[in-house]
Every structure is written in structure tokens, then in C-alpha cells.
C-alpha atoms as a PDB file:
ATOM      1  CA  MET A   1      41.486 -38.400  24.976  1.00  0.00           C
ATOM      2  CA  ALA A   2      39.640 -37.916  28.276  1.00  0.00           C
ATOM      3  CA  GLN A   3      37.089 -35.619  26.606  1.00  0.00           C
ATOM      4  CA  GLU A   4      36.515 -38.177  23.849  1.00  0.00           C
ATOM      5  CA  THR A   5      35.896 -40.919  26.433  1.00  0.00           C
ATOM      6  CA  GLU A   6      33.546 -38.629  28.336  1.00  0.00           C
ATOM      7  CA  ASP A   7      31.642 -37.810  25.140  1.00  0.00           C
ATOM      8  CA  ILE A   8      31.267 -41.520  24.313  1.00  0.00           C
ATOM      9  CA  LEU A   9      29.987 -42.267  27.826  1.00  0.00           C
ATOM     10  CA  ARG A  10      27.513 -39.369  27.699  1.00  0.00           C
ATOM     11  CA  LYS A  11      26.244 -40.609  24.315  1.00  0.00           C
ATOM     12  CA  GLN A  12      25.779 -44.142  25.703  1.00  0.00           C
ATOM     13  CA  ILE A  13      23.862 -42.818  28.730  1.00  0.00           C
ATOM     14  CA  LEU A  14      21.617 -40.650  26.536  1.00  0.00           C
ATOM     15  CA  GLU A  15      20.927 -43.592  24.203  1.00  0.00           C
ATOM     16  CA  GLU A  16      20.030 -45.792  27.174  1.00  0.00           C
ATOM     17  CA  LEU A  17      17.720 -43.094  28.543  1.00  0.00           C
ATOM     18  CA  GLY A  18      16.075 -42.738  25.151  1.00  0.00           C
ATOM     19  CA  LYS A  19      15.397 -46.484  25.008  1.00  0.00           C
ATOM     20  CA  ARG A  20      13.911 -46.466  28.520  1.00  0.00           C
ATOM     21  CA  LYS A  21      11.636 -43.545  27.634  1.00  0.00           C
ATOM     22  CA  GLN A  22      10.542 -45.210  24.384  1.00  0.00           C
ATOM     23  CA  ALA A  23       9.787 -48.502  26.143  1.00  0.00           C
ATOM     24  CA  ALA A  24       7.678 -46.683  28.744  1.00  0.00           C
ATOM     25  CA  LYS A  25       5.810 -44.823  25.998  1.00  0.00           C
ATOM     26  CA  GLN A  26       5.074 -48.086  24.155  1.00  0.00           C
ATOM     27  CA  ARG A  27       3.620 -49.518  27.369  1.00  0.00           C
ATOM     28  CA  GLY A  28       1.425 -46.416  27.669  1.00  0.00           C
ATOM     29  CA  GLU A  29       3.236 -45.329  30.812  1.00  0.00           C
ATOM     30  CA  VAL A  30       4.710 -42.050  31.892  1.00  0.00           C
ATOM     31  CA  PHE A  31       8.469 -42.411  31.906  1.00  0.00           C
ATOM     32  CA  ASP A  32       9.791 -41.831  35.358  1.00  0.00           C
ATOM     33  CA  SER A  33      13.028 -42.466  37.131  1.00  0.00           C
ATOM     34  CA  ASN A  34      11.519 -44.987  39.519  1.00  0.00           C
ATOM     35  CA  ASN A  35      12.966 -44.322  42.968  1.00  0.00           C
ATOM     36  CA  PHE A  36      15.494 -41.706  41.865  1.00  0.00           C
ATOM     37  CA  TYR A  37      13.130 -39.011  43.134  1.00  0.00           C
ATOM     38  CA  SER A  38      13.276 -40.501  46.620  1.00  0.00           C
ATOM     39  CA  LYS A  39      17.004 -39.809  46.763  1.00  0.00           C
ATOM     40  CA  ILE A  40      16.614 -36.056  46.125  1.00  0.00           C
ATOM     41  CA  LEU A  41      16.383 -33.822  49.198  1.00  0.00           C
ATOM     42  CA  ASP A  42      12.724 -33.449  50.220  1.00  0.00           C
ATOM     43  CA  ARG A  43      12.489 -30.709  52.846  1.00  0.00           C
ATOM     44  CA  ASN A  44       8.988 -31.827  53.817  1.00  0.00           C
ATOM     45  CA  TYR A  45       9.940 -35.389  54.731  1.00  0.00           C
ATOM     46  CA  GLN A  46      11.653 -36.696  57.846  1.00  0.00           C
ATOM     47  CA  ASN A  47      15.452 -36.925  57.397  1.00  0.00           C
ATOM     48  CA  GLY A  48      15.217 -35.232  53.989  1.00  0.00           C
ATOM     49  CA  GLY A  49      13.357 -37.869  51.996  1.00  0.00           C
ATOM     50  CA  TYR A  50      12.314 -41.489  51.903  1.00  0.00           C
ATOM     51  CA  ALA A  51      15.674 -42.979  50.866  1.00  0.00           C
ATOM     52  CA  ARG A  52      17.568 -40.859  53.383  1.00  0.00           C
ATOM     53  CA  SER A  53      15.152 -41.874  56.138  1.00  0.00           C
ATOM     54  CA  VAL A  54      15.596 -45.567  55.395  1.00  0.00           C
ATOM     55  CA  VAL A  55      19.390 -45.270  55.373  1.00  0.00           C
ATOM     56  CA  THR A  56      19.297 -43.275  58.623  1.00  0.00           C
ATOM     57  CA  GLN A  57      16.962 -45.781  60.315  1.00  0.00           C
ATOM     58  CA  ILE A  58      19.189 -48.728  59.505  1.00  0.00           C
ATOM     59  CA  LYS A  59      22.223 -46.703  60.609  1.00  0.00           C
ATOM     60  CA  ALA A  60      23.930 -47.035  57.218  1.00  0.00           C
ATOM     61  CA  MET A  61      24.671 -43.394  56.395  1.00  0.00           C
ATOM     62  CA  ASP A  62      28.418 -43.953  56.913  1.00  0.00           C
ATOM     63  CA  LYS A  63      28.476 -47.315  55.129  1.00  0.00           C
ATOM     64  CA  THR A  64      29.137 -47.823  51.437  1.00  0.00           C
ATOM     65  CA  MET A  65      26.086 -47.887  49.216  1.00  0.00           C
ATOM     66  CA  HIS A  66      26.612 -51.514  48.208  1.00  0.00           C
ATOM     67  CA  ASN A  67      28.742 -54.518  49.009  1.00  0.00           C
ATOM     68  CA  LYS A  68      30.467 -56.575  46.296  1.00  0.00           C
ATOM     69  CA  ALA A  69      29.296 -59.732  48.072  1.00  0.00           C
ATOM     70  CA  ASP A  70      25.671 -58.733  47.417  1.00  0.00           C
ATOM     71  CA  SER A  71      23.949 -61.103  44.987  1.00  0.00           C
ATOM     72  CA  PHE A  72      22.907 -58.070  42.890  1.00  0.00           C
ATOM     73  CA  ALA A  73      26.451 -56.627  42.765  1.00  0.00           C
ATOM     74  CA  GLY A  74      26.564 -56.942  38.976  1.00  0.00           C
ATOM     75  CA  TYR A  75      23.869 -54.291  38.657  1.00  0.00           C
ATOM     76  CA  TYR A  76      25.739 -51.700  40.706  1.00  0.00           C
ATOM     77  CA  GLY A  77      28.342 -49.218  39.552  1.00  0.00           C
ATOM     78  CA  GLU A  78      31.913 -49.481  40.827  1.00  0.00           C
ATOM     79  CA  LYS A  79      31.516 -46.110  42.538  1.00  0.00           C
ATOM     80  CA  SER A  80      28.773 -47.474  44.809  1.00  0.00           C
ATOM     81  CA  PHE A  81      31.206 -49.949  46.385  1.00  0.00           C
ATOM     82  CA  VAL A  82      33.472 -47.172  47.673  1.00  0.00           C
ATOM     83  CA  VAL A  83      31.153 -44.201  48.293  1.00  0.00           C
ATOM     84  CA  THR A  84      29.198 -43.941  51.536  1.00  0.00           C
ATOM     85  CA  ASN A  85      25.500 -43.197  51.474  1.00  0.00           C
ATOM     86  CA  LYS A  86      26.246 -39.858  53.127  1.00  0.00           C
ATOM     87  CA  VAL A  87      28.672 -38.864  50.367  1.00  0.00           C
ATOM     88  CA  PHE A  88      26.193 -40.068  47.732  1.00  0.00           C
ATOM     89  CA  PHE A  89      23.415 -37.843  49.111  1.00  0.00           C
ATOM     90  CA  GLU A  90      25.824 -34.924  49.517  1.00  0.00           C
ATOM     91  CA  THR A  91      26.892 -35.389  45.892  1.00  0.00           C
ATOM     92  CA  ILE A  92      23.278 -35.242  44.740  1.00  0.00           C
ATOM     93  CA  ASP A  93      22.640 -32.171  46.886  1.00  0.00           C
ATOM     94  CA  GLY A  94      25.728 -30.473  45.451  1.00  0.00           C
ATOM     95  CA  ILE A  95      24.663 -31.108  41.861  1.00  0.00           C
ATOM     96  CA  MET A  96      21.136 -29.894  42.604  1.00  0.00           C
ATOM     97  CA  ALA A  97      22.506 -26.703  44.204  1.00  0.00           C
ATOM     98  CA  ARG A  98      25.021 -26.053  41.416  1.00  0.00           C
ATOM     99  CA  LEU A  99      22.310 -26.460  38.775  1.00  0.00           C
ATOM    100  CA  GLY A 100      19.817 -24.418  40.827  1.00  0.00           C
ATOM    101  CA  LEU A 101      17.153 -27.145  40.724  1.00  0.00           C
ATOM    102  CA  GLN A 102      16.177 -27.665  44.386  1.00  0.00           C
ATOM    103  CA  GLU A 103      13.338 -25.118  44.606  1.00  0.00           C
ATOM    104  CA  GLU A 104      11.670 -26.279  41.402  1.00  0.00           C
ATOM    105  CA  PHE A 105      12.117 -29.905  42.418  1.00  0.00           C
ATOM    106  CA  GLN A 106      10.421 -29.231  45.758  1.00  0.00           C
ATOM    107  CA  ARG A 107       7.541 -27.378  44.085  1.00  0.00           C
ATOM    108  CA  LEU A 108       6.919 -30.172  41.546  1.00  0.00           C
ATOM    109  CA  TRP A 109       7.486 -32.946  44.097  1.00  0.00           C
ATOM    110  CA  ASP A 110       4.956 -31.412  46.473  1.00  0.00           C
ATOM    111  CA  ILE A 111       2.392 -31.332  43.647  1.00  0.00           C
ATOM    112  CA  TYR A 112       3.167 -34.927  42.679  1.00  0.00           C
ATOM    113  CA  MET A 113       2.924 -36.068  46.305  1.00  0.00           C
ATOM    114  CA  GLY A 114      -0.439 -34.316  46.717  1.00  0.00           C
ATOM    115  CA  ARG A 115       0.898 -31.705  49.159  1.00  0.00           C
ATOM    116  CA  SER A 116       0.250 -28.830  46.784  1.00  0.00           C
ATOM    117  CA  VAL A 117      -1.774 -27.956  43.699  1.00  0.00           C
ATOM    118  CA  GLY A 118      -0.974 -26.235  40.442  1.00  0.00           C
ATOM    119  CA  MET A 119      -1.092 -28.985  37.825  1.00  0.00           C
ATOM    120  CA  GLU A 120      -2.037 -32.612  37.366  1.00  0.00           C
ATOM    121  CA  GLN A 121       0.199 -35.191  39.036  1.00  0.00           C
ATOM    122  CA  GLU A 122       1.110 -36.784  35.705  1.00  0.00           C
ATOM    123  CA  GLU A 123       2.244 -33.404  34.354  1.00  0.00           C
ATOM    124  CA  ALA A 124       4.279 -32.831  37.528  1.00  0.00           C
ATOM    125  CA  LEU A 125       5.910 -36.261  37.079  1.00  0.00           C
ATOM    126  CA  ASN A 126       6.837 -35.464  33.486  1.00  0.00           C
ATOM    127  CA  LYS A 127       8.325 -32.131  34.539  1.00  0.00           C
ATOM    128  CA  LEU A 128      10.218 -33.818  37.397  1.00  0.00           C
ATOM    129  CA  THR A 129      11.702 -36.318  34.975  1.00  0.00           C
ATOM    130  CA  GLU A 130      12.874 -33.533  32.660  1.00  0.00           C
ATOM    131  CA  LEU A 131      14.180 -31.444  35.549  1.00  0.00           C
ATOM    132  CA  LEU A 132      16.237 -34.264  37.057  1.00  0.00           C
ATOM    133  CA  GLU A 133      17.648 -35.687  33.833  1.00  0.00           C
ATOM    134  CA  PRO A 134      20.862 -33.581  33.998  1.00  0.00           C
ATOM    135  CA  VAL A 135      21.407 -34.742  37.603  1.00  0.00           C
ATOM    136  CA  TYR A 136      20.870 -38.378  36.615  1.00  0.00           C
ATOM    137  CA  ILE A 137      23.267 -38.025  33.667  1.00  0.00           C
ATOM    138  CA  GLU A 138      25.952 -36.350  35.767  1.00  0.00           C
ATOM    139  CA  LEU A 139      25.742 -39.087  38.414  1.00  0.00           C
ATOM    140  CA  ARG A 140      25.975 -41.762  35.724  1.00  0.00           C
ATOM    141  CA  MET A 141      29.004 -39.965  34.285  1.00  0.00           C
ATOM    142  CA  MET A 142      30.603 -40.154  37.751  1.00  0.00           C
ATOM    143  CA  GLY A 143      30.334 -43.957  37.707  1.00  0.00           C
ATOM    144  CA  PHE A 144      27.007 -44.698  39.360  1.00  0.00           C
ATOM    145  CA  SER A 145      24.841 -47.262  37.549  1.00  0.00           C
ATOM    146  CA  HIS A 146      21.181 -46.921  36.660  1.00  0.00           C
ATOM    147  CA  GLN A 147      20.382 -49.357  39.465  1.00  0.00           C
ATOM    148  CA  ASP A 148      22.375 -47.282  41.977  1.00  0.00           C
ATOM    149  CA  LEU A 149      20.193 -44.305  41.150  1.00  0.00           C
ATOM    150  CA  ILE A 150      16.734 -45.851  40.837  1.00  0.00           C
ATOM    151  CA  GLY A 151      16.955 -48.821  43.197  1.00  0.00           C
END
């Protein structure tokens, strides 16, 4: 039964992703994962990336990602009310390491951020989106919402 539930959830997440990609395409935009990229370890940025720097600066690394009293609480996944920011980033790092994606992410991210050359930024963004999709899906399967990941 657990596998069946997992398969249903994965199908729902993939359908949602497909709709987001289609909507972006209809608007003539490159589909991207909004701020999801900022949560991935960036070795060339202070504190490991923009999101990590913000959380470090406000001294919230050991606090939960979100609070149920927040007016936007309905957009967040249940997991984000119990997981600290530190554990969230460590979870992302673990998935990236297990899937062997960190080096390619860094290469593409550096191109997209204008720190390196090798392809057009739009192409790098498309490749980043494809590269990170399994990470996004796995995090969603763990109980994080879309808003947890892109907000």
C-alpha cells in the first residue's frame, strides 16, 4: 500500500510540474524553479548560497522553516513546520551528493550567474531546471510543498 501511495504522490507532483512548465511556455517564458536554485549549495557565494546567507544573517539556521501562525501557512508543507533550516539544507545537500549533481550544478550555475562561459544563460537555465528536477521531486515526496522549495 505504501508503494501505491508513493506512486500516486509522484504522479501528482509530475502532473503539477507539467502544468507549470506548460503555463510558462504559453507565456513565452523559460520554465524555472524560481528561487529553488538559491537553496542549492553554491560554493562561490558567502555561506553557500543566497538562501543560506539570508537564513544565517537572521540567525534562523536552527529554527523551523516556517511557523503555523504565519499568514501564508496554508502554502507550506507540514514538513516545513518541524524541520529546521539547517536540516532542510543538509537534506538538499545529501540528495545532491547521492545523485552526483553538485559539480554539474555548480558549472551551470556559474554560467547562468555570469561567472563562467560555455553556453547562453537561457540554455544554462534550462539545463539547471532539468538537472534539479529529481531533487525537487524527491523533496516534494518528503512532504515539502512547492512554496517551501521556491519561496
